[in-house]
Amino acid sequence: MRSEQVAKVASRRYWREGDARVIVEAWRHAGGPLSRFAERHGVDPQRLARWAARLKRAEPGPLRFHPVRLTRTDERATTGSIEIDLRDGRRVRVARGFETEDLRRVLTVLGEGTTC
């Protein structure tokens, strides 16, 4: 079935991310040079290389934990939110219902300039 999926995706003019994952994973599983795999399946090797690089960049990095200290605050001021005090004095307040990915991006940006 895997080879059927690869053949189906390889014949498509446009690939979505899921399509590209099928081809890239099949190439990685097969081992061997990218050019040989691409030739065998009728895929442009540059196209395969671009998708492989793009998907690699999209892979999440290692999970890092930051020290947390619980403090008492005025409950009325923070009801429904989380406050994160960073070591450099900056504070991040996250409202109820936040998107996890949004918080991850904010903490990544904050972590680029300084260690949390």
PDB file of N, CA and C in Angstrom:
ATOM      1  N   MET A   1       0.827  -1.193   0.000  1.00  0.00           N
ATOM      2  CA  MET A   1       0.000   0.000   0.000  1.00  0.00           C
ATOM      3  C   MET A   1       0.866   1.250   0.000  1.00  0.00           C
ATOM      4  N   ARG A   2       1.976   1.217   0.698  1.00  0.00           N
ATOM      5  CA  ARG A   2       2.861   2.372   0.754  1.00  0.00           C
ATOM      6  C   ARG A   2       3.335   2.773  -0.635  1.00  0.00           C
ATOM      7  N   SER A   3       3.727   1.801  -1.449  1.00  0.00           N
ATOM      8  CA  SER A   3       4.198   2.118  -2.799  1.00  0.00           C
ATOM      9  C   SER A   3       3.064   2.688  -3.648  1.00  0.00           C
ATOM     10  N   GLU A   4       1.836   2.250  -3.373  1.00  0.00           N
ATOM     11  CA  GLU A   4       0.682   2.810  -4.085  1.00  0.00           C
ATOM     12  C   GLU A   4       0.486   4.274  -3.713  1.00  0.00           C
ATOM     13  N   GLN A   5       0.632   4.575  -2.425  1.00  0.00           N
ATOM     14  CA  GLN A   5       0.510   5.961  -1.970  1.00  0.00           C
ATOM     15  C   GLN A   5       1.590   6.825  -2.606  1.00  0.00           C
ATOM     16  N   VAL A   6       2.819   6.321  -2.604  1.00  0.00           N
ATOM     17  CA  VAL A   6       3.933   7.068  -3.174  1.00  0.00           C
ATOM     18  C   VAL A   6       3.675   7.337  -4.654  1.00  0.00           C
ATOM     19  N   ALA A   7       3.240   6.337  -5.387  1.00  0.00           N
ATOM     20  CA  ALA A   7       2.968   6.498  -6.819  1.00  0.00           C
ATOM     21  C   ALA A   7       1.851   7.521  -7.047  1.00  0.00           C
ATOM     22  N   LYS A   8       0.833   7.461  -6.223  1.00  0.00           N
ATOM     23  CA  LYS A   8      -0.295   8.388  -6.356  1.00  0.00           C
ATOM     24  C   LYS A   8       0.156   9.831  -6.116  1.00  0.00           C
ATOM     25  N   VAL A   9       0.934  10.035  -5.043  1.00  0.00           N
ATOM     26  CA  VAL A   9       1.410  11.386  -4.721  1.00  0.00           C
ATOM     27  C   VAL A   9       2.415  11.860  -5.765  1.00  0.00           C
ATOM     28  N   ALA A  10       3.305  10.984  -6.186  1.00  0.00           N
ATOM     29  CA  ALA A  10       4.342  11.357  -7.156  1.00  0.00           C
ATOM     30  C   ALA A  10       3.730  11.860  -8.455  1.00  0.00           C
ATOM     31  N   SER A  11       2.568  11.351  -8.817  1.00  0.00           N
ATOM     32  CA  SER A  11       1.937  11.743 -10.086  1.00  0.00           C
ATOM     33  C   SER A  11       1.205  13.085  -9.995  1.00  0.00           C
ATOM     34  N   ARG A  12       1.026  13.601  -8.801  1.00  0.00           N
ATOM     35  CA  ARG A  12       0.300  14.865  -8.635  1.00  0.00           C
ATOM     36  C   ARG A  12       1.164  16.058  -9.018  1.00  0.00           C
ATOM     37  N   ARG A  13       0.521  17.028  -9.612  1.00  0.00           N
ATOM     38  CA  ARG A  13       1.234  18.241 -10.013  1.00  0.00           C
ATOM     39  C   ARG A  13       1.577  19.095  -8.794  1.00  0.00           C
ATOM     40  N   TYR A  14       0.657  19.197  -7.844  1.00  0.00           N
ATOM     41  CA  TYR A  14       0.878  19.980  -6.623  1.00  0.00           C
ATOM     42  C   TYR A  14       0.821  19.058  -5.420  1.00  0.00           C
ATOM     43  N   TRP A  15       1.682  19.310  -4.462  1.00  0.00           N
ATOM     44  CA  TRP A  15       1.695  18.536  -3.224  1.00  0.00           C
ATOM     45  C   TRP A  15       1.299  19.434  -2.069  1.00  0.00           C
ATOM     46  N   ARG A  16       0.438  18.914  -1.246  1.00  0.00           N
ATOM     47  CA  ARG A  16       0.177  19.539   0.045  1.00  0.00           C
ATOM     48  C   ARG A  16       1.180  18.956   1.021  1.00  0.00           C
ATOM     49  N   GLU A  17       1.220  19.491   2.221  1.00  0.00           N
ATOM     50  CA  GLU A  17       2.188  19.018   3.208  1.00  0.00           C
ATOM     51  C   GLU A  17       2.039  17.524   3.471  1.00  0.00           C
ATOM     52  N   GLY A  18       0.816  17.055   3.577  1.00  0.00           N
ATOM     53  CA  GLY A  18       0.590  15.633   3.820  1.00  0.00           C
ATOM     54  C   GLY A  18       1.103  14.763   2.682  1.00  0.00           C
ATOM     55  N   ASP A  19       0.932  15.244   1.451  1.00  0.00           N
ATOM     56  CA  ASP A  19       1.453  14.520   0.292  1.00  0.00           C
ATOM     57  C   ASP A  19       2.972  14.437   0.360  1.00  0.00           C
ATOM     58  N   ALA A  20       3.587  15.569   0.643  1.00  0.00           N
ATOM     59  CA  ALA A  20       5.047  15.619   0.702  1.00  0.00           C
ATOM     60  C   ALA A  20       5.580  14.712   1.806  1.00  0.00           C
ATOM     61  N   ARG A  21       4.868  14.649   2.920  1.00  0.00           N
ATOM     62  CA  ARG A  21       5.298  13.762   4.013  1.00  0.00           C
ATOM     63  C   ARG A  21       5.348  12.307   3.562  1.00  0.00           C
ATOM     64  N   VAL A  22       4.366  11.900   2.769  1.00  0.00           N
ATOM     65  CA  VAL A  22       4.333  10.522   2.267  1.00  0.00           C
ATOM     66  C   VAL A  22       5.604  10.239   1.468  1.00  0.00           C
ATOM     67  N   ILE A  23       5.937  11.143   0.545  1.00  0.00           N
ATOM     68  CA  ILE A  23       7.103  10.946  -0.323  1.00  0.00           C
ATOM     69  C   ILE A  23       8.399  11.023   0.486  1.00  0.00           C
ATOM     70  N   VAL A  24       8.534  12.029   1.331  1.00  0.00           N
ATOM     71  CA  VAL A  24       9.775  12.215   2.098  1.00  0.00           C
ATOM     72  C   VAL A  24       9.992  11.041   3.048  1.00  0.00           C
ATOM     73  N   GLU A  25       8.939  10.595   3.729  1.00  0.00           N
ATOM     74  CA  GLU A  25       9.083   9.457   4.631  1.00  0.00           C
ATOM     75  C   GLU A  25       9.432   8.186   3.870  1.00  0.00           C
ATOM     76  N   ALA A  26       8.852   8.011   2.690  1.00  0.00           N
ATOM     77  CA  ALA A  26       9.175   6.832   1.884  1.00  0.00           C
ATOM     78  C   ALA A  26      10.641   6.866   1.464  1.00  0.00           C
ATOM     79  N   TRP A  27      11.133   8.046   1.072  1.00  0.00           N
ATOM     80  CA  TRP A  27      12.546   8.172   0.689  1.00  0.00           C
ATOM     81  C   TRP A  27      13.455   7.869   1.874  1.00  0.00           C
ATOM     82  N   ARG A  28      13.140   8.434   3.033  1.00  0.00           N
ATOM     83  CA  ARG A  28      13.972   8.193   4.217  1.00  0.00           C
ATOM     84  C   ARG A  28      13.939   6.717   4.622  1.00  0.00           C
ATOM     85  N   HIS A  29      12.783   6.110   4.520  1.00  0.00           N
ATOM     86  CA  HIS A  29      12.641   4.694   4.877  1.00  0.00           C
ATOM     87  C   HIS A  29      13.414   3.801   3.903  1.00  0.00           C
ATOM     88  N   ALA A  30      13.404   4.171   2.637  1.00  0.00           N
ATOM     89  CA  ALA A  30      14.082   3.378   1.615  1.00  0.00           C
ATOM     90  C   ALA A  30      15.598   3.462   1.748  1.00  0.00           C
ATOM     91  N   GLY A  31      16.081   4.579   2.297  1.00  0.00           N
ATOM     92  CA  GLY A  31      17.531   4.770   2.359  1.00  0.00           C
ATOM     93  C   GLY A  31      18.061   5.050   0.965  1.00  0.00           C
ATOM     94  N   GLY A  32      19.323   5.252   0.847  1.00  0.00           N
ATOM     95  CA  GLY A  32      19.919   5.512  -0.462  1.00  0.00           C
ATOM     96  C   GLY A  32      19.793   6.957  -0.870  1.00  0.00           C
ATOM     97  N   PRO A  33      20.422   7.273  -1.994  1.00  0.00           N
ATOM     98  CA  PRO A  33      20.452   8.662  -2.461  1.00  0.00           C
ATOM     99  C   PRO A  33      19.079   9.186  -2.871  1.00  0.00           C
ATOM    100  N   LEU A  34      18.880  10.449  -2.606  1.00  0.00           N
ATOM    101  CA  LEU A  34      17.637  11.126  -2.975  1.00  0.00           C
ATOM    102  C   LEU A  34      17.429  11.053  -4.480  1.00  0.00           C
ATOM    103  N   SER A  35      18.500  11.266  -5.244  1.00  0.00           N
ATOM    104  CA  SER A  35      18.376  11.285  -6.708  1.00  0.00           C
ATOM    105  C   SER A  35      17.889   9.944  -7.251  1.00  0.00           C
ATOM    106  N   ARG A  36      18.366   8.865  -6.678  1.00  0.00           N
ATOM    107  CA  ARG A  36      17.941   7.540  -7.154  1.00  0.00           C
ATOM    108  C   ARG A  36      16.463   7.308  -6.839  1.00  0.00           C
ATOM    109  N   PHE A  37      16.042   7.676  -5.620  1.00  0.00           N
ATOM    110  CA  PHE A  37      14.639   7.529  -5.232  1.00  0.00           C
ATOM    111  C   PHE A  37      13.755   8.371  -6.150  1.00  0.00           C
ATOM    112  N   ALA A  38      14.164   9.627  -6.366  1.00  0.00           N
ATOM    113  CA  ALA A  38      13.371  10.536  -7.196  1.00  0.00           C
ATOM    114  C   ALA A  38      13.239   9.997  -8.617  1.00  0.00           C
ATOM    115  N   GLU A  39      14.328   9.489  -9.177  1.00  0.00           N
ATOM    116  CA  GLU A  39      14.297   8.943 -10.535  1.00  0.00           C
ATOM    117  C   GLU A  39      13.375   7.725 -10.613  1.00  0.00           C
ATOM    118  N   ARG A  40      13.468   6.852  -9.605  1.00  0.00           N
ATOM    119  CA  ARG A  40      12.658   5.626  -9.592  1.00  0.00           C
ATOM    120  C   ARG A  40      11.162   5.944  -9.547  1.00  0.00           C
ATOM    121  N   HIS A  41      10.803   7.070  -8.887  1.00  0.00           N
ATOM    122  CA  HIS A  41       9.381   7.411  -8.730  1.00  0.00           C
ATOM    123  C   HIS A  41       8.921   8.544  -9.642  1.00  0.00           C
ATOM    124  N   GLY A  42       9.812   9.012 -10.510  1.00  0.00           N
ATOM    125  CA  GLY A  42       9.427  10.059 -11.456  1.00  0.00           C
ATOM    126  C   GLY A  42       9.175  11.396 -10.803  1.00  0.00           C
ATOM    127  N   VAL A  43       9.969  11.700  -9.772  1.00  0.00           N
ATOM    128  CA  VAL A  43       9.809  12.952  -9.032  1.00  0.00           C
ATOM    129  C   VAL A  43      11.045  13.816  -9.268  1.00  0.00           C
ATOM    130  N   ASP A  44      10.835  15.119  -9.392  1.00  0.00           N
ATOM    131  CA  ASP A  44      11.957  16.045  -9.529  1.00  0.00           C
ATOM    132  C   ASP A  44      12.774  16.022  -8.234  1.00  0.00           C
ATOM    133  N   PRO A  45      14.063  15.707  -8.300  1.00  0.00           N
ATOM    134  CA  PRO A  45      14.867  15.625  -7.081  1.00  0.00           C
ATOM    135  C   PRO A  45      14.926  16.934  -6.303  1.00  0.00           C
ATOM    136  N   GLN A  46      14.921  18.063  -7.005  1.00  0.00           N
ATOM    137  CA  GLN A  46      14.940  19.360  -6.304  1.00  0.00           C
ATOM    138  C   GLN A  46      13.648  19.579  -5.527  1.00  0.00           C
ATOM    139  N   ARG A  47      12.567  19.137  -6.111  1.00  0.00           N
ATOM    140  CA  ARG A  47      11.269  19.256  -5.428  1.00  0.00           C
ATOM    141  C   ARG A  47      11.279  18.429  -4.151  1.00  0.00           C
ATOM    142  N   LEU A  48      11.768  17.221  -4.248  1.00  0.00           N
ATOM    143  CA  LEU A  48      11.854  16.347  -3.080  1.00  0.00           C
ATOM    144  C   LEU A  48      12.791  16.939  -2.024  1.00  0.00           C
ATOM    145  N   ALA A  49      13.922  17.469  -2.447  1.00  0.00           N
ATOM    146  CA  ALA A  49      14.887  18.062  -1.510  1.00  0.00           C
ATOM    147  C   ALA A  49      14.288  19.282  -0.808  1.00  0.00           C
ATOM    148  N   ARG A  50      13.566  20.120  -1.568  1.00  0.00           N
ATOM    149  CA  ARG A  50      12.933  21.305  -0.959  1.00  0.00           C
ATOM    150  C   ARG A  50      11.917  20.892   0.106  1.00  0.00           C
ATOM    151  N   TRP A  51      11.094  19.890  -0.231  1.00  0.00           N
ATOM    152  CA  TRP A  51      10.083  19.443   0.733  1.00  0.00           C
ATOM    153  C   TRP A  51      10.743  18.803   1.954  1.00  0.00           C
ATOM    154  N   ALA A  52      11.790  18.042   1.741  1.00  0.00           N
ATOM    155  CA  ALA A  52      12.487  17.415   2.866  1.00  0.00           C
ATOM    156  C   ALA A  52      13.027  18.487   3.805  1.00  0.00           C
ATOM    157  N   ALA A  53      13.626  19.538   3.251  1.00  0.00           N
ATOM    158  CA  ALA A  53      14.162  20.632   4.067  1.00  0.00           C
ATOM    159  C   ALA A  53      13.034  21.381   4.777  1.00  0.00           C
ATOM    160  N   ARG A  54      11.960  21.638   4.058  1.00  0.00           N
ATOM    161  CA  ARG A  54      10.820  22.364   4.642  1.00  0.00           C
ATOM    162  C   ARG A  54      10.206  21.578   5.806  1.00  0.00           C
ATOM    163  N   LEU A  55      10.034  20.282   5.625  1.00  0.00           N
ATOM    164  CA  LEU A  55       9.441  19.459   6.677  1.00  0.00           C
ATOM    165  C   LEU A  55      10.384  19.331   7.874  1.00  0.00           C
ATOM    166  N   LYS A  56      11.678  19.304   7.622  1.00  0.00           N
ATOM    167  CA  LYS A  56      12.643  19.221   8.718  1.00  0.00           C
ATOM    168  C   LYS A  56      12.583  20.492   9.563  1.00  0.00           C
ATOM    169  N   ARG A  57      12.465  21.660   8.902  1.00  0.00           N
ATOM    170  CA  ARG A  57      12.364  22.927   9.641  1.00  0.00           C
ATOM    171  C   ARG A  57      11.101  22.976  10.483  1.00  0.00           C
ATOM    172  N   ALA A  58      10.043  22.311  10.015  1.00  0.00           N
ATOM    173  CA  ALA A  58       8.758  22.336  10.717  1.00  0.00           C
ATOM    174  C   ALA A  58       8.731  21.401  11.922  1.00  0.00           C
ATOM    175  N   GLU A  59       9.721  20.509  12.032  1.00  0.00           N
ATOM    176  CA  GLU A  59       9.748  19.586  13.168  1.00  0.00           C
ATOM    177  C   GLU A  59      10.007  20.368  14.447  1.00  0.00           C
ATOM    178  N   PRO A  60       9.273  20.051  15.496  1.00  0.00           N
ATOM    179  CA  PRO A  60       9.487  20.773  16.746  1.00  0.00           C
ATOM    180  C   PRO A  60      10.855  20.450  17.330  1.00  0.00           C
ATOM    181  N   GLY A  61      11.449  21.454  17.949  1.00  0.00           N
ATOM    182  CA  GLY A  61      12.744  21.266  18.598  1.00  0.00           C
ATOM    183  C   GLY A  61      12.561  20.539  19.917  1.00  0.00           C
ATOM    184  N   PRO A  62      13.642  20.374  20.633  1.00  0.00           N
ATOM    185  CA  PRO A  62      13.547  19.680  21.914  1.00  0.00           C
ATOM    186  C   PRO A  62      12.706  20.485  22.901  1.00  0.00           C
ATOM    187  N   LEU A  63      11.978  19.788  23.714  1.00  0.00           N
ATOM    188  CA  LEU A  63      11.133  20.412  24.720  1.00  0.00           C
ATOM    189  C   LEU A  63      12.009  20.920  25.853  1.00  0.00           C
ATOM    190  N   ARG A  64      11.828  22.182  26.225  1.00  0.00           N
ATOM    191  CA  ARG A  64      12.604  22.756  27.319  1.00  0.00           C
ATOM    192  C   ARG A  64      11.656  23.171  28.436  1.00  0.00           C
ATOM    193  N   PHE A  65      12.075  22.933  29.649  1.00  0.00           N
ATOM    194  CA  PHE A  65      11.291  23.344  30.804  1.00  0.00           C
ATOM    195  C   PHE A  65      11.973  24.540  31.457  1.00  0.00           C
ATOM    196  N   HIS A  66      11.166  25.435  31.977  1.00  0.00           N
ATOM    197  CA  HIS A  66      11.683  26.617  32.655  1.00  0.00           C
ATOM    198  C   HIS A  66      11.268  26.548  34.118  1.00  0.00           C
ATOM    199  N   PRO A  67      12.109  27.073  35.014  1.00  0.00           N
ATOM    200  CA  PRO A  67      11.743  27.040  36.431  1.00  0.00           C
ATOM    201  C   PRO A  67      10.479  27.862  36.686  1.00  0.00           C
ATOM    202  N   VAL A  68       9.670  27.370  37.570  1.00  0.00           N
ATOM    203  CA  VAL A  68       8.415  28.040  37.916  1.00  0.00           C
ATOM    204  C   VAL A  68       8.365  28.234  39.424  1.00  0.00           C
ATOM    205  N   ARG A  69       7.898  29.398  39.829  1.00  0.00           N
ATOM    206  CA  ARG A  69       7.737  29.676  41.248  1.00  0.00           C
ATOM    207  C   ARG A  69       6.321  30.203  41.433  1.00  0.00           C
ATOM    208  N   LEU A  70       5.570  29.567  42.325  1.00  0.00           N
ATOM    209  CA  LEU A  70       4.202  30.005  42.597  1.00  0.00           C
ATOM    210  C   LEU A  70       4.234  31.110  43.639  1.00  0.00           C
ATOM    211  N   THR A  71       3.441  32.127  43.392  1.00  0.00           N
ATOM    212  CA  THR A  71       3.352  33.236  44.344  1.00  0.00           C
ATOM    213  C   THR A  71       1.891  33.555  44.590  1.00  0.00           C
ATOM    214  N   ARG A  72       1.635  34.154  45.714  1.00  0.00           N
ATOM    215  CA  ARG A  72       0.269  34.603  46.010  1.00  0.00           C
ATOM    216  C   ARG A  72       0.086  36.004  45.429  1.00  0.00           C
ATOM    217  N   THR A  73      -1.067  36.210  44.800  1.00  0.00           N
ATOM    218  CA  THR A  73      -1.369  37.523  44.245  1.00  0.00           C
ATOM    219  C   THR A  73      -2.821  37.848  44.548  1.00  0.00           C
ATOM    220  N   ASP A  74      -3.182  39.042  44.234  1.00  0.00           N
ATOM    221  CA  ASP A  74      -4.575  39.464  44.376  1.00  0.00           C
ATOM    222  C   ASP A  74      -5.398  38.690  43.352  1.00  0.00           C
ATOM    223  N   GLU A  75      -6.268  37.797  43.823  1.00  0.00           N
ATOM    224  CA  GLU A  75      -7.029  36.930  42.920  1.00  0.00           C
ATOM    225  C   GLU A  75      -7.892  37.721  41.944  1.00  0.00           C
ATOM    226  N   ARG A  76      -8.368  38.873  42.348  1.00  0.00           N
ATOM    227  CA  ARG A  76      -9.221  39.659  41.448  1.00  0.00           C
ATOM    228  C   ARG A  76      -8.454  40.151  40.230  1.00  0.00           C
ATOM    229  N   ALA A  77      -7.156  40.367  40.376  1.00  0.00           N
ATOM    230  CA  ALA A  77      -6.360  40.894  39.274  1.00  0.00           C
ATOM    231  C   ALA A  77      -6.023  39.833  38.241  1.00  0.00           C
ATOM    232  N   THR A  78      -6.006  38.578  38.649  1.00  0.00           N
ATOM    233  CA  THR A  78      -5.543  37.540  37.726  1.00  0.00           C
ATOM    234  C   THR A  78      -6.567  36.442  37.482  1.00  0.00           C
ATOM    235  N   THR A  79      -7.820  36.647  37.872  1.00  0.00           N
ATOM    236  CA  THR A  79      -8.828  35.613  37.688  1.00  0.00           C
ATOM    237  C   THR A  79      -8.895  35.203  36.221  1.00  0.00           C
ATOM    238  N   GLY A  80      -8.720  33.901  36.011  1.00  0.00           N
ATOM    239  CA  GLY A  80      -8.821  33.386  34.657  1.00  0.00           C
ATOM    240  C   GLY A  80      -7.570  33.569  33.824  1.00  0.00           C
ATOM    241  N   SER A  81      -6.478  33.993  34.423  1.00  0.00           N
ATOM    242  CA  SER A  81      -5.264  34.152  33.629  1.00  0.00           C
ATOM    243  C   SER A  81      -4.076  33.528  34.351  1.00  0.00           C
ATOM    244  N   ILE A  82      -3.007  33.349  33.612  1.00  0.00           N
ATOM    245  CA  ILE A  82      -1.759  32.822  34.147  1.00  0.00           C
ATOM    246  C   ILE A  82      -0.703  33.888  33.923  1.00  0.00           C
ATOM    247  N   GLU A  83       0.109  34.143  34.934  1.00  0.00           N
ATOM    248  CA  GLU A  83       1.217  35.075  34.781  1.00  0.00           C
ATOM    249  C   GLU A  83       2.517  34.310  34.848  1.00  0.00           C
ATOM    250  N   ILE A  84       3.407  34.621  33.936  1.00  0.00           N
ATOM    251  CA  ILE A  84       4.714  33.996  33.899  1.00  0.00           C
ATOM    252  C   ILE A  84       5.741  35.101  34.063  1.00  0.00           C
ATOM    253  N   ASP A  85       6.470  35.096  35.188  1.00  0.00           N
ATOM    254  CA  ASP A  85       7.531  36.067  35.429  1.00  0.00           C
ATOM    255  C   ASP A  85       8.846  35.478  34.942  1.00  0.00           C
ATOM    256  N   LEU A  86       9.471  36.150  34.007  1.00  0.00           N
ATOM    257  CA  LEU A  86      10.741  35.689  33.473  1.00  0.00           C
ATOM    258  C   LEU A  86      11.881  36.224  34.338  1.00  0.00           C
ATOM    259  N   ARG A  87      13.014  35.564  34.304  1.00  0.00           N
ATOM    260  CA  ARG A  87      14.155  35.946  35.144  1.00  0.00           C
ATOM    261  C   ARG A  87      14.617  37.372  34.914  1.00  0.00           C
ATOM    262  N   ASP A  88      14.472  37.861  33.701  1.00  0.00           N
ATOM    263  CA  ASP A  88      14.963  39.210  33.404  1.00  0.00           C
ATOM    264  C   ASP A  88      13.961  40.296  33.793  1.00  0.00           C
ATOM    265  N   GLY A  89      12.894  39.912  34.496  1.00  0.00           N
ATOM    266  CA  GLY A  89      11.927  40.887  34.981  1.00  0.00           C
ATOM    267  C   GLY A  89      10.704  41.052  34.097  1.00  0.00           C
ATOM    268  N   ARG A  90      10.735  40.525  32.894  1.00  0.00           N
ATOM    269  CA  ARG A  90       9.565  40.623  32.029  1.00  0.00           C
ATOM    270  C   ARG A  90       8.493  39.666  32.522  1.00  0.00           C
ATOM    271  N   ARG A  91       7.240  40.003  32.239  1.00  0.00           N
ATOM    272  CA  ARG A  91       6.108  39.190  32.670  1.00  0.00           C
ATOM    273  C   ARG A  91       5.205  38.933  31.475  1.00  0.00           C
ATOM    274  N   VAL A  92       4.752  37.702  31.376  1.00  0.00           N
ATOM    275  CA  VAL A  92       3.807  37.320  30.336  1.00  0.00           C
ATOM    276  C   VAL A  92       2.511  36.936  31.031  1.00  0.00           C
ATOM    277  N   ARG A  93       1.423  37.563  30.643  1.00  0.00           N
ATOM    278  CA  ARG A  93       0.112  37.225  31.199  1.00  0.00           C
ATOM    279  C   ARG A  93      -0.696  36.562  30.088  1.00  0.00           C
ATOM    280  N   VAL A  94      -1.191  35.379  30.387  1.00  0.00           N
ATOM    281  CA  VAL A  94      -1.921  34.594  29.409  1.00  0.00           C
ATOM    282  C   VAL A  94      -3.371  34.503  29.855  1.00  0.00           C
ATOM    283  N   ALA A  95      -4.265  34.956  28.991  1.00  0.00           N
ATOM    284  CA  ALA A  95      -5.691  34.956  29.320  1.00  0.00           C
ATOM    285  C   ALA A  95      -6.273  33.554  29.156  1.00  0.00           C
ATOM    286  N   ARG A  96      -7.379  33.333  29.821  1.00  0.00           N
ATOM    287  CA  ARG A  96      -8.094  32.061  29.711  1.00  0.00           C
ATOM    288  C   ARG A  96      -8.450  31.805  28.247  1.00  0.00           C
ATOM    289  N   GLY A  97      -8.317  30.543  27.833  1.00  0.00           N
ATOM    290  CA  GLY A  97      -8.675  30.164  26.479  1.00  0.00           C
ATOM    291  C   GLY A  97      -7.564  30.406  25.457  1.00  0.00           C
ATOM    292  N   PHE A  98      -6.344  30.639  25.917  1.00  0.00           N
ATOM    293  CA  PHE A  98      -5.245  30.895  24.989  1.00  0.00           C
ATOM    294  C   PHE A  98      -4.950  29.663  24.140  1.00  0.00           C
ATOM    295  N   GLU A  99      -4.348  29.902  23.003  1.00  0.00           N
ATOM    296  CA  GLU A  99      -3.910  28.828  22.113  1.00  0.00           C
ATOM    297  C   GLU A  99      -2.503  28.416  22.528  1.00  0.00           C
ATOM    298  N   THR A 100      -2.291  27.150  22.755  1.00  0.00           N
ATOM    299  CA  THR A 100      -0.990  26.640  23.200  1.00  0.00           C
ATOM    300  C   THR A 100       0.114  27.017  22.228  1.00  0.00           C
ATOM    301  N   GLU A 101      -0.158  26.914  20.937  1.00  0.00           N
ATOM    302  CA  GLU A 101       0.868  27.225  19.930  1.00  0.00           C
ATOM    303  C   GLU A 101       1.247  28.700  19.979  1.00  0.00           C
ATOM    304  N   ASP A 102       0.273  29.585  20.267  1.00  0.00           N
ATOM    305  CA  ASP A 102       0.579  31.010  20.384  1.00  0.00           C
ATOM    306  C   ASP A 102       1.527  31.257  21.562  1.00  0.00           C
ATOM    307  N   LEU A 103       1.262  30.628  22.689  1.00  0.00           N
ATOM    308  CA  LEU A 103       2.133  30.785  23.851  1.00  0.00           C
ATOM    309  C   LEU A 103       3.523  30.245  23.549  1.00  0.00           C
ATOM    310  N   ARG A 104       3.589  29.114  22.867  1.00  0.00           N
ATOM    311  CA  ARG A 104       4.885  28.526  22.505  1.00  0.00           C
ATOM    312  C   ARG A 104       5.700  29.509  21.665  1.00  0.00           C
ATOM    313  N   ARG A 105       5.034  30.166  20.690  1.00  0.00           N
ATOM    314  CA  ARG A 105       5.751  31.126  19.835  1.00  0.00           C
ATOM    315  C   ARG A 105       6.218  32.333  20.647  1.00  0.00           C
ATOM    316  N   VAL A 106       5.389  32.838  21.552  1.00  0.00           N
ATOM    317  CA  VAL A 106       5.776  33.974  22.390  1.00  0.00           C
ATOM    318  C   VAL A 106       6.986  33.619  23.243  1.00  0.00           C
ATOM    319  N   LEU A 107       6.957  32.466  23.883  1.00  0.00           N
ATOM    320  CA  LEU A 107       8.076  32.064  24.731  1.00  0.00           C
ATOM    321  C   LEU A 107       9.335  31.814  23.909  1.00  0.00           C
ATOM    322  N   THR A 108       9.191  31.338  22.686  1.00  0.00           N
ATOM    323  CA  THR A 108      10.349  31.153  21.809  1.00  0.00           C
ATOM    324  C   THR A 108      10.991  32.485  21.483  1.00  0.00           C
ATOM    325  N   VAL A 109      10.168  33.467  21.125  1.00  0.00           N
ATOM    326  CA  VAL A 109      10.687  34.805  20.807  1.00  0.00           C
ATOM    327  C   VAL A 109      11.370  35.409  22.034  1.00  0.00           C
ATOM    328  N   LEU A 110      10.737  35.288  23.187  1.00  0.00           N
ATOM    329  CA  LEU A 110      11.330  35.837  24.397  1.00  0.00           C
ATOM    330  C   LEU A 110      12.640  35.130  24.738  1.00  0.00           C
ATOM    331  N   GLY A 111      12.702  33.841  24.467  1.00  0.00           N
ATOM    332  CA  GLY A 111      13.897  33.073  24.780  1.00  0.00           C
ATOM    333  C   GLY A 111      15.056  33.319  23.842  1.00  0.00           C
ATOM    334  N   GLU A 112      14.794  33.887  22.674  1.00  0.00           N
ATOM    335  CA  GLU A 112      15.858  34.132  21.709  1.00  0.00           C
ATOM    336  C   GLU A 112      16.854  35.182  22.193  1.00  0.00           C
ATOM    337  N   GLY A 113      16.346  36.182  22.888  1.00  0.00           N
ATOM    338  CA  GLY A 113      17.229  37.263  23.322  1.00  0.00           C
ATOM    339  C   GLY A 113      17.853  37.036  24.668  1.00  0.00           C
ATOM    340  N   THR A 114      17.246  36.175  25.461  1.00  0.00           N
ATOM    341  CA  THR A 114      17.734  35.958  26.810  1.00  0.00           C
ATOM    342  C   THR A 114      17.299  34.594  27.285  1.00  0.00           C
ATOM    343  N   THR A 115      17.985  34.063  28.250  1.00  0.00           N
ATOM    344  CA  THR A 115      17.610  32.782  28.833  1.00  0.00           C
ATOM    345  C   THR A 115      16.533  33.018  29.875  1.00  0.00           C
ATOM    346  N   CYS A 116      15.502  32.233  29.821  1.00  0.00           N
ATOM    347  CA  CYS A 116      14.404  32.370  30.789  1.00  0.00           C
ATOM    348  C   CYS A 116      14.773  31.721  32.097  1.00  0.00           C
TER     349      CYS A 116
END
